[in-house]
């Protein structure tokens, strides 16, 4: 079974709300078998001019688990908080089969 990755680019406008969001997400992600692979940190643009202000990548055991997390009633209020705190772009990507 292939793992899946939730990749999010975030440009924060309300830093206090986003800081609160960041304290709550590890537990929510872990409930669905996910773990952070990238959570902010330094990036280097290599091609195409893409320079995300903040990049997050979360690994899930499967695409179904990633979808379940993102669409869950448990995550819904946190997602609403994140979207209100800044502008985001997010994708789900299925990894290679192991």
PDB file of N, CA and C in Angstrom:
ATOM      1  N   UNK A   1       0.844  -1.177   0.000  1.00  0.00           N
ATOM      2  CA  UNK A   1       0.000   0.000   0.000  1.00  0.00           C
ATOM      3  C   UNK A   1       0.889   1.241   0.000  1.00  0.00           C
ATOM      4  N   UNK A   2       0.523   2.214  -0.791  1.00  0.00           N
ATOM      5  CA  UNK A   2       1.287   3.459  -0.885  1.00  0.00           C
ATOM      6  C   UNK A   2       0.870   4.434   0.211  1.00  0.00           C
ATOM      7  N   UNK A   3       1.843   5.119   0.764  1.00  0.00           N
ATOM      8  CA  UNK A   3       1.569   6.188   1.708  1.00  0.00           C
ATOM      9  C   UNK A   3       1.048   7.392   0.930  1.00  0.00           C
ATOM     10  N   UNK A   4       0.563   8.387   1.657  1.00  0.00           N
ATOM     11  CA  UNK A   4       0.068   9.603   1.017  1.00  0.00           C
ATOM     12  C   UNK A   4       0.594  10.809   1.771  1.00  0.00           C
ATOM     13  N   UNK A   5       0.629  11.929   1.088  1.00  0.00           N
ATOM     14  CA  UNK A   5       1.204  13.146   1.638  1.00  0.00           C
ATOM     15  C   UNK A   5       0.262  14.317   1.435  1.00  0.00           C
ATOM     16  N   UNK A   6       0.001  15.011   2.523  1.00  0.00           N
ATOM     17  CA  UNK A   6      -0.740  16.263   2.486  1.00  0.00           C
ATOM     18  C   UNK A   6       0.314  17.359   2.485  1.00  0.00           C
ATOM     19  N   UNK A   7       0.335  18.164   1.424  1.00  0.00           N
ATOM     20  CA  UNK A   7       1.325  19.218   1.262  1.00  0.00           C
ATOM     21  C   UNK A   7       0.584  20.549   1.254  1.00  0.00           C
ATOM     22  N   UNK A   8       0.997  21.433   2.156  1.00  0.00           N
ATOM     23  CA  UNK A   8       0.290  22.700   2.336  1.00  0.00           C
ATOM     24  C   UNK A   8       1.291  23.847   2.315  1.00  0.00           C
ATOM     25  N   UNK A   9       0.983  24.849   1.499  1.00  0.00           N
ATOM     26  CA  UNK A   9       1.713  26.112   1.495  1.00  0.00           C
ATOM     27  C   UNK A   9       0.862  27.100   2.274  1.00  0.00           C
ATOM     28  N   UNK A  10       1.457  27.788   3.241  1.00  0.00           N
ATOM     29  CA  UNK A  10       0.698  28.687   4.107  1.00  0.00           C
ATOM     30  C   UNK A  10       1.350  30.061   4.143  1.00  0.00           C
ATOM     31  N   UNK A  11       0.530  31.084   3.991  1.00  0.00           N
ATOM     32  CA  UNK A  11       0.951  32.469   4.160  1.00  0.00           C
ATOM     33  C   UNK A  11       0.104  33.037   5.294  1.00  0.00           C
ATOM     34  N   UNK A  12       0.680  33.111   6.469  1.00  0.00           N
ATOM     35  CA  UNK A  12      -0.050  33.477   7.681  1.00  0.00           C
ATOM     36  C   UNK A  12      -0.275  34.982   7.781  1.00  0.00           C
ATOM     37  N   UNK A  13      -1.521  35.350   8.140  1.00  0.00           N
ATOM     38  CA  UNK A  13      -1.871  36.755   8.373  1.00  0.00           C
ATOM     39  C   UNK A  13      -2.176  37.002   9.845  1.00  0.00           C
ATOM     40  N   UNK A  14      -2.742  36.025  10.523  1.00  0.00           N
ATOM     41  CA  UNK A  14      -3.070  36.132  11.946  1.00  0.00           C
ATOM     42  C   UNK A  14      -2.166  35.157  12.693  1.00  0.00           C
ATOM     43  N   UNK A  15      -1.040  35.669  13.152  1.00  0.00           N
ATOM     44  CA  UNK A  15      -0.013  34.802  13.747  1.00  0.00           C
ATOM     45  C   UNK A  15      -0.452  34.171  15.066  1.00  0.00           C
ATOM     46  N   UNK A  16      -1.254  34.872  15.849  1.00  0.00           N
ATOM     47  CA  UNK A  16      -1.730  34.308  17.121  1.00  0.00           C
ATOM     48  C   UNK A  16      -2.657  33.124  16.870  1.00  0.00           C
ATOM     49  N   UNK A  17      -3.583  33.274  15.932  1.00  0.00           N
ATOM     50  CA  UNK A  17      -4.512  32.187  15.618  1.00  0.00           C
ATOM     51  C   UNK A  17      -3.763  30.988  15.029  1.00  0.00           C
ATOM     52  N   UNK A  18      -2.761  31.271  14.190  1.00  0.00           N
ATOM     53  CA  UNK A  18      -1.998  30.177  13.593  1.00  0.00           C
ATOM     54  C   UNK A  18      -1.143  29.476  14.645  1.00  0.00           C
ATOM     55  N   UNK A  19      -0.601  30.201  15.597  1.00  0.00           N
ATOM     56  CA  UNK A  19       0.177  29.589  16.673  1.00  0.00           C
ATOM     57  C   UNK A  19      -0.708  28.655  17.494  1.00  0.00           C
ATOM     58  N   UNK A  20      -1.933  29.070  17.764  1.00  0.00           N
ATOM     59  CA  UNK A  20      -2.883  28.217  18.478  1.00  0.00           C
ATOM     60  C   UNK A  20      -3.214  26.975  17.649  1.00  0.00           C
ATOM     61  N   UNK A  21      -3.440  27.149  16.365  1.00  0.00           N
ATOM     62  CA  UNK A  21      -3.708  26.027  15.449  1.00  0.00           C
ATOM     63  C   UNK A  21      -2.568  25.011  15.504  1.00  0.00           C
ATOM     64  N   UNK A  22      -1.336  25.501  15.497  1.00  0.00           N
ATOM     65  CA  UNK A  22      -0.170  24.612  15.490  1.00  0.00           C
ATOM     66  C   UNK A  22      -0.060  23.776  16.755  1.00  0.00           C
ATOM     67  N   UNK A  23      -0.589  24.257  17.863  1.00  0.00           N
ATOM     68  CA  UNK A  23      -0.545  23.462  19.101  1.00  0.00           C
ATOM     69  C   UNK A  23      -1.546  22.314  19.057  1.00  0.00           C
ATOM     70  N   UNK A  24      -2.595  22.453  18.262  1.00  0.00           N
ATOM     71  CA  UNK A  24      -3.676  21.468  18.234  1.00  0.00           C
ATOM     72  C   UNK A  24      -3.525  20.406  17.144  1.00  0.00           C
ATOM     73  N   UNK A  25      -2.788  20.708  16.106  1.00  0.00           N
ATOM     74  CA  UNK A  25      -2.745  19.793  14.964  1.00  0.00           C
ATOM     75  C   UNK A  25      -1.999  18.486  15.194  1.00  0.00           C
ATOM     76  N   UNK A  26      -0.915  18.438  15.978  1.00  0.00           N
ATOM     77  CA  UNK A  26      -0.227  17.143  16.113  1.00  0.00           C
ATOM     78  C   UNK A  26      -1.143  16.027  16.604  1.00  0.00           C
ATOM     79  N   UNK A  27      -1.977  16.303  17.582  1.00  0.00           N
ATOM     80  CA  UNK A  27      -2.898  15.282  18.088  1.00  0.00           C
ATOM     81  C   UNK A  27      -3.910  14.875  17.015  1.00  0.00           C
ATOM     82  N   UNK A  28      -4.448  15.863  16.318  1.00  0.00           N
ATOM     83  CA  UNK A  28      -5.436  15.571  15.271  1.00  0.00           C
ATOM     84  C   UNK A  28      -4.831  14.700  14.176  1.00  0.00           C
ATOM     85  N   UNK A  29      -3.628  15.021  13.755  1.00  0.00           N
ATOM     86  CA  UNK A  29      -2.953  14.267  12.700  1.00  0.00           C
ATOM     87  C   UNK A  29      -2.651  12.844  13.164  1.00  0.00           C
ATOM     88  N   UNK A  30      -2.167  12.707  14.389  1.00  0.00           N
ATOM     89  CA  UNK A  30      -1.830  11.393  14.928  1.00  0.00           C
ATOM     90  C   UNK A  30      -3.052  10.484  15.022  1.00  0.00           C
ATOM     91  N   UNK A  31      -4.225  11.042  15.273  1.00  0.00           N
ATOM     92  CA  UNK A  31      -5.459  10.235  15.342  1.00  0.00           C
ATOM     93  C   UNK A  31      -5.715   9.466  14.048  1.00  0.00           C
ATOM     94  N   UNK A  32      -5.213   9.978  12.940  1.00  0.00           N
ATOM     95  CA  UNK A  32      -5.442   9.359  11.641  1.00  0.00           C
ATOM     96  C   UNK A  32      -4.168   8.695  11.105  1.00  0.00           C
ATOM     97  N   UNK A  33      -3.213   8.466  11.995  1.00  0.00           N
ATOM     98  CA  UNK A  33      -1.990   7.764  11.614  1.00  0.00           C
ATOM     99  C   UNK A  33      -0.968   8.626  10.910  1.00  0.00           C
ATOM    100  N   UNK A  34      -1.157   9.943  10.943  1.00  0.00           N
ATOM    101  CA  UNK A  34      -0.248  10.841  10.243  1.00  0.00           C
ATOM    102  C   UNK A  34       0.896  11.324  11.096  1.00  0.00           C
ATOM    103  N   UNK A  35       1.923  11.833  10.419  1.00  0.00           N
ATOM    104  CA  UNK A  35       3.054  12.446  11.110  1.00  0.00           C
ATOM    105  C   UNK A  35       3.662  13.519  10.217  1.00  0.00           C
ATOM    106  N   UNK A  36       4.188  14.545  10.864  1.00  0.00           N
ATOM    107  CA  UNK A  36       4.834  15.625  10.120  1.00  0.00           C
ATOM    108  C   UNK A  36       6.142  15.138   9.517  1.00  0.00           C
ATOM    109  N   UNK A  37       6.344  15.477   8.258  1.00  0.00           N
ATOM    110  CA  UNK A  37       7.612  15.231   7.583  1.00  0.00           C
ATOM    111  C   UNK A  37       8.350  16.566   7.420  1.00  0.00           C
ATOM    112  N   UNK A  38       7.602  17.621   7.165  1.00  0.00           N
ATOM    113  CA  UNK A  38       8.118  18.989   7.059  1.00  0.00           C
ATOM    114  C   UNK A  38       7.122  19.871   7.788  1.00  0.00           C
ATOM    115  N   UNK A  39       7.635  20.753   8.631  1.00  0.00           N
ATOM    116  CA  UNK A  39       6.751  21.671   9.355  1.00  0.00           C
ATOM    117  C   UNK A  39       7.454  23.011   9.468  1.00  0.00           C
ATOM    118  N   UNK A  40       7.331  23.793   8.390  1.00  0.00           N
ATOM    119  CA  UNK A  40       8.066  25.060   8.343  1.00  0.00           C
ATOM    120  C   UNK A  40       9.508  24.772   7.976  1.00  0.00           C
ATOM    121  N   UNK A  41      10.399  25.506   8.554  1.00  0.00           N
ATOM    122  CA  UNK A  41      11.813  25.290   8.264  1.00  0.00           C
ATOM    123  C   UNK A  41      12.231  25.979   6.975  1.00  0.00           C
ATOM    124  N   UNK A  42      13.486  25.920   6.733  1.00  0.00           N
ATOM    125  CA  UNK A  42      14.086  26.600   5.584  1.00  0.00           C
ATOM    126  C   UNK A  42      13.758  25.872   4.286  1.00  0.00           C
ATOM    127  N   UNK A  43      13.495  26.633   3.246  1.00  0.00           N
ATOM    128  CA  UNK A  43      13.320  26.074   1.904  1.00  0.00           C
ATOM    129  C   UNK A  43      14.291  26.775   0.951  1.00  0.00           C
ATOM    130  N   UNK A  44      14.578  26.128  -0.141  1.00  0.00           N
ATOM    131  CA  UNK A  44      15.428  26.708  -1.183  1.00  0.00           C
ATOM    132  C   UNK A  44      14.717  26.514  -2.520  1.00  0.00           C
ATOM    133  N   UNK A  45      14.437  27.598  -3.196  1.00  0.00           N
ATOM    134  CA  UNK A  45      13.787  27.530  -4.502  1.00  0.00           C
ATOM    135  C   UNK A  45      14.816  27.106  -5.544  1.00  0.00           C
ATOM    136  N   UNK A  46      14.512  26.022  -6.238  1.00  0.00           N
ATOM    137  CA  UNK A  46      15.426  25.493  -7.249  1.00  0.00           C
ATOM    138  C   UNK A  46      14.934  25.747  -8.663  1.00  0.00           C
ATOM    139  N   UNK A  47      13.627  25.751  -8.874  1.00  0.00           N
ATOM    140  CA  UNK A  47      13.056  25.946 -10.209  1.00  0.00           C
ATOM    141  C   UNK A  47      11.730  26.679 -10.104  1.00  0.00           C
ATOM    142  N   UNK A  48      11.420  27.430 -11.121  1.00  0.00           N
ATOM    143  CA  UNK A  48      10.082  27.966 -11.305  1.00  0.00           C
ATOM    144  C   UNK A  48       9.654  29.133 -10.427  1.00  0.00           C
ATOM    145  N   UNK A  49      10.500  29.618  -9.570  1.00  0.00           N
ATOM    146  CA  UNK A  49      10.154  30.775  -8.767  1.00  0.00           C
ATOM    147  C   UNK A  49       9.214  30.495  -7.598  1.00  0.00           C
ATOM    148  N   UNK A  50       8.959  29.221  -7.301  1.00  0.00           N
ATOM    149  CA  UNK A  50       8.070  28.881  -6.185  1.00  0.00           C
ATOM    150  C   UNK A  50       8.813  29.145  -4.889  1.00  0.00           C
ATOM    151  N   UNK A  51       8.271  30.049  -4.062  1.00  0.00           N
ATOM    152  CA  UNK A  51       8.902  30.391  -2.787  1.00  0.00           C
ATOM    153  C   UNK A  51       7.830  30.455  -1.711  1.00  0.00           C
ATOM    154  N   UNK A  52       7.361  29.305  -1.224  1.00  0.00           N
ATOM    155  CA  UNK A  52       6.297  29.322  -0.223  1.00  0.00           C
ATOM    156  C   UNK A  52       6.758  29.984   1.071  1.00  0.00           C
ATOM    157  N   UNK A  53       5.911  30.830   1.656  1.00  0.00           N
ATOM    158  CA  UNK A  53       6.265  31.454   2.929  1.00  0.00           C
ATOM    159  C   UNK A  53       6.460  30.405   4.033  1.00  0.00           C
ATOM    160  N   UNK A  54       5.649  29.355   4.008  1.00  0.00           N
ATOM    161  CA  UNK A  54       5.764  28.237   4.956  1.00  0.00           C
ATOM    162  C   UNK A  54       5.269  26.995   4.241  1.00  0.00           C
ATOM    163  N   UNK A  55       5.968  25.892   4.424  1.00  0.00           N
ATOM    164  CA  UNK A  55       5.598  24.643   3.776  1.00  0.00           C
ATOM    165  C   UNK A  55       5.452  23.556   4.839  1.00  0.00           C
ATOM    166  N   UNK A  56       4.376  22.796   4.711  1.00  0.00           N
ATOM    167  CA  UNK A  56       4.111  21.690   5.626  1.00  0.00           C
ATOM    168  C   UNK A  56       3.827  20.445   4.791  1.00  0.00           C
ATOM    169  N   UNK A  57       4.404  19.314   5.190  1.00  0.00           N
ATOM    170  CA  UNK A  57       4.118  18.044   4.534  1.00  0.00           C
ATOM    171  C   UNK A  57       3.858  17.013   5.624  1.00  0.00           C
ATOM    172  N   UNK A  58       2.716  16.347   5.513  1.00  0.00           N
ATOM    173  CA  UNK A  58       2.300  15.355   6.495  1.00  0.00           C
ATOM    174  C   UNK A  58       2.143  14.017   5.791  1.00  0.00           C
ATOM    175  N   UNK A  59       2.746  12.981   6.347  1.00  0.00           N
ATOM    176  CA  UNK A  59       2.653  11.635   5.788  1.00  0.00           C
ATOM    177  C   UNK A  59       1.529  10.873   6.479  1.00  0.00           C
ATOM    178  N   UNK A  60       0.722  10.193   5.678  1.00  0.00           N
ATOM    179  CA  UNK A  60      -0.338   9.317   6.181  1.00  0.00           C
ATOM    180  C   UNK A  60      -0.103   7.915   5.648  1.00  0.00           C
ATOM    181  N   UNK A  61      -0.622   6.901   6.342  1.00  0.00           N
ATOM    182  CA  UNK A  61      -0.395   5.521   5.897  1.00  0.00           C
ATOM    183  C   UNK A  61      -1.024   5.187   4.548  1.00  0.00           C
ATOM    184  N   UNK A  62      -2.026   5.975   4.120  1.00  0.00           N
ATOM    185  CA  UNK A  62      -2.683   5.733   2.831  1.00  0.00           C
ATOM    186  C   UNK A  62      -3.409   6.997   2.390  1.00  0.00           C
ATOM    187  N   UNK A  63      -3.771   7.031   1.123  1.00  0.00           N
ATOM    188  CA  UNK A  63      -4.551   8.155   0.602  1.00  0.00           C
ATOM    189  C   UNK A  63      -5.908   8.216   1.303  1.00  0.00           C
ATOM    190  N   UNK A  64      -6.499   7.057   1.565  1.00  0.00           N
ATOM    191  CA  UNK A  64      -7.804   7.019   2.243  1.00  0.00           C
ATOM    192  C   UNK A  64      -7.715   7.636   3.637  1.00  0.00           C
ATOM    193  N   UNK A  65      -6.631   7.362   4.384  1.00  0.00           N
ATOM    194  CA  UNK A  65      -6.473   7.938   5.719  1.00  0.00           C
ATOM    195  C   UNK A  65      -6.258   9.451   5.641  1.00  0.00           C
ATOM    196  N   UNK A  66      -5.519   9.906   4.654  1.00  0.00           N
ATOM    197  CA  UNK A  66      -5.302  11.346   4.480  1.00  0.00           C
ATOM    198  C   UNK A  66      -6.622  12.052   4.159  1.00  0.00           C
ATOM    199  N   UNK A  67      -7.407  11.447   3.282  1.00  0.00           N
ATOM    200  CA  UNK A  67      -8.716  12.011   2.938  1.00  0.00           C
ATOM    201  C   UNK A  67      -9.637  12.000   4.150  1.00  0.00           C
ATOM    202  N   UNK A  68      -9.614  10.922   4.896  1.00  0.00           N
ATOM    203  CA  UNK A  68     -10.437  10.808   6.101  1.00  0.00           C
ATOM    204  C   UNK A  68     -10.077  11.918   7.097  1.00  0.00           C
ATOM    205  N   UNK A  69      -8.786  12.147   7.303  1.00  0.00           N
ATOM    206  CA  UNK A  69      -8.339  13.216   8.187  1.00  0.00           C
ATOM    207  C   UNK A  69      -8.857  14.570   7.717  1.00  0.00           C
ATOM    208  N   UNK A  70      -8.558  14.907   6.470  1.00  0.00           N
ATOM    209  CA  UNK A  70      -8.874  16.246   5.958  1.00  0.00           C
ATOM    210  C   UNK A  70     -10.375  16.526   5.968  1.00  0.00           C
ATOM    211  N   UNK A  71     -11.171  15.514   5.738  1.00  0.00           N
ATOM    212  CA  UNK A  71     -12.626  15.695   5.643  1.00  0.00           C
ATOM    213  C   UNK A  71     -13.362  15.370   6.946  1.00  0.00           C
ATOM    214  N   UNK A  72     -12.627  15.078   8.002  1.00  0.00           N
ATOM    215  CA  UNK A  72     -13.243  14.634   9.253  1.00  0.00           C
ATOM    216  C   UNK A  72     -13.891  15.779  10.027  1.00  0.00           C
ATOM    217  N   UNK A  73     -14.904  15.416  10.803  1.00  0.00           N
ATOM    218  CA  UNK A  73     -15.524  16.368  11.721  1.00  0.00           C
ATOM    219  C   UNK A  73     -14.529  16.794  12.794  1.00  0.00           C
ATOM    220  N   UNK A  74     -13.580  15.925  13.097  1.00  0.00           N
ATOM    221  CA  UNK A  74     -12.576  16.236  14.113  1.00  0.00           C
ATOM    222  C   UNK A  74     -11.661  17.380  13.649  1.00  0.00           C
ATOM    223  N   UNK A  75     -11.240  17.339  12.390  1.00  0.00           N
ATOM    224  CA  UNK A  75     -10.333  18.358  11.863  1.00  0.00           C
ATOM    225  C   UNK A  75     -11.065  19.618  11.397  1.00  0.00           C
ATOM    226  N   UNK A  76     -12.336  19.531  11.102  1.00  0.00           N
ATOM    227  CA  UNK A  76     -13.086  20.654  10.516  1.00  0.00           C
ATOM    228  C   UNK A  76     -12.902  21.980  11.253  1.00  0.00           C
ATOM    229  N   UNK A  77     -13.024  22.044  12.581  1.00  0.00           N
ATOM    230  CA  UNK A  77     -12.839  23.341  13.237  1.00  0.00           C
ATOM    231  C   UNK A  77     -11.397  23.852  13.158  1.00  0.00           C
ATOM    232  N   UNK A  78     -10.444  22.937  13.123  1.00  0.00           N
ATOM    233  CA  UNK A  78      -9.045  23.351  12.976  1.00  0.00           C
ATOM    234  C   UNK A  78      -8.780  23.870  11.567  1.00  0.00           C
ATOM    235  N   UNK A  79      -9.344  23.213  10.581  1.00  0.00           N
ATOM    236  CA  UNK A  79      -9.207  23.678   9.203  1.00  0.00           C
ATOM    237  C   UNK A  79      -9.800  25.073   9.060  1.00  0.00           C
ATOM    238  N   UNK A  80     -10.961  25.274   9.624  1.00  0.00           N
ATOM    239  CA  UNK A  80     -11.593  26.597   9.580  1.00  0.00           C
ATOM    240  C   UNK A  80     -10.685  27.651  10.212  1.00  0.00           C
ATOM    241  N   UNK A  81     -10.072  27.301  11.329  1.00  0.00           N
ATOM    242  CA  UNK A  81      -9.154  28.220  12.010  1.00  0.00           C
ATOM    243  C   UNK A  81      -7.953  28.541  11.125  1.00  0.00           C
ATOM    244  N   UNK A  82      -7.364  27.509  10.498  1.00  0.00           N
ATOM    245  CA  UNK A  82      -6.205  27.735   9.627  1.00  0.00           C
ATOM    246  C   UNK A  82      -6.552  28.617   8.450  1.00  0.00           C
ATOM    247  N   UNK A  83      -7.689  28.345   7.823  1.00  0.00           N
ATOM    248  CA  UNK A  83      -8.084  29.121   6.652  1.00  0.00           C
ATOM    249  C   UNK A  83      -8.376  30.575   7.008  1.00  0.00           C
ATOM    250  N   UNK A  84      -8.863  30.812   8.212  1.00  0.00           N
ATOM    251  CA  UNK A  84      -9.124  32.183   8.656  1.00  0.00           C
ATOM    252  C   UNK A  84      -7.832  32.915   9.020  1.00  0.00           C
ATOM    253  N   UNK A  85      -6.797  32.166   9.384  1.00  0.00           N
ATOM    254  CA  UNK A  85      -5.544  32.765   9.844  1.00  0.00           C
ATOM    255  C   UNK A  85      -4.575  33.099   8.723  1.00  0.00           C
ATOM    256  N   UNK A  86      -4.866  32.656   7.505  1.00  0.00           N
ATOM    257  CA  UNK A  86      -3.960  32.937   6.396  1.00  0.00           C
ATOM    258  C   UNK A  86      -4.444  32.329   5.100  1.00  0.00           C
ATOM    259  N   UNK A  87      -3.685  32.565   4.056  1.00  0.00           N
ATOM    260  CA  UNK A  87      -3.982  32.007   2.740  1.00  0.00           C
ATOM    261  C   UNK A  87      -3.210  30.703   2.578  1.00  0.00           C
ATOM    262  N   UNK A  88      -3.854  29.686   2.022  1.00  0.00           N
ATOM    263  CA  UNK A  88      -3.224  28.376   1.877  1.00  0.00           C
ATOM    264  C   UNK A  88      -3.476  27.781   0.505  1.00  0.00           C
ATOM    265  N   UNK A  89      -2.603  26.891   0.147  1.00  0.00           N
ATOM    266  CA  UNK A  89      -2.791  25.997  -0.998  1.00  0.00           C
ATOM    267  C   UNK A  89      -2.477  24.614  -0.464  1.00  0.00           C
ATOM    268  N   UNK A  90      -3.286  23.625  -0.807  1.00  0.00           N
ATOM    269  CA  UNK A  90      -3.076  22.277  -0.283  1.00  0.00           C
ATOM    270  C   UNK A  90      -3.368  21.234  -1.353  1.00  0.00           C
ATOM    271  N   UNK A  91      -2.570  20.179  -1.339  1.00  0.00           N
ATOM    272  CA  UNK A  91      -2.803  19.038  -2.220  1.00  0.00           C
ATOM    273  C   UNK A  91      -2.568  17.752  -1.444  1.00  0.00           C
ATOM    274  N   UNK A  92      -3.211  16.692  -1.901  1.00  0.00           N
ATOM    275  CA  UNK A  92      -2.912  15.339  -1.442  1.00  0.00           C
ATOM    276  C   UNK A  92      -2.185  14.633  -2.580  1.00  0.00           C
ATOM    277  N   UNK A  93      -1.118  13.940  -2.254  1.00  0.00           N
ATOM    278  CA  UNK A  93      -0.377  13.199  -3.257  1.00  0.00           C
ATOM    279  C   UNK A  93      -0.131  11.794  -2.763  1.00  0.00           C
ATOM    280  N   UNK A  94      -0.425  10.824  -3.596  1.00  0.00           N
ATOM    281  CA  UNK A  94      -0.170   9.431  -3.247  1.00  0.00           C
ATOM    282  C   UNK A  94       1.296   9.115  -3.526  1.00  0.00           C
ATOM    283  N   UNK A  95       1.938   8.470  -2.569  1.00  0.00           N
ATOM    284  CA  UNK A  95       3.336   8.080  -2.730  1.00  0.00           C
ATOM    285  C   UNK A  95       3.476   6.837  -3.578  1.00  0.00           C
ATOM    286  N   UNK A  96       4.702   6.394  -3.752  1.00  0.00           N
ATOM    287  CA  UNK A  96       4.962   5.177  -4.518  1.00  0.00           C
ATOM    288  C   UNK A  96       4.668   3.964  -3.648  1.00  0.00           C
ATOM    289  N   UNK A  97       4.204   2.905  -4.289  1.00  0.00           N
ATOM    290  CA  UNK A  97       3.913   1.662  -3.560  1.00  0.00           C
ATOM    291  C   UNK A  97       5.216   1.089  -3.015  1.00  0.00           C
ATOM    292  N   UNK A  98       5.151   0.579  -1.807  1.00  0.00           N
ATOM    293  CA  UNK A  98       6.355   0.017  -1.191  1.00  0.00           C
ATOM    294  C   UNK A  98       6.532  -1.425  -1.547  1.00  0.00           C
TER     295      UNK A  98
END
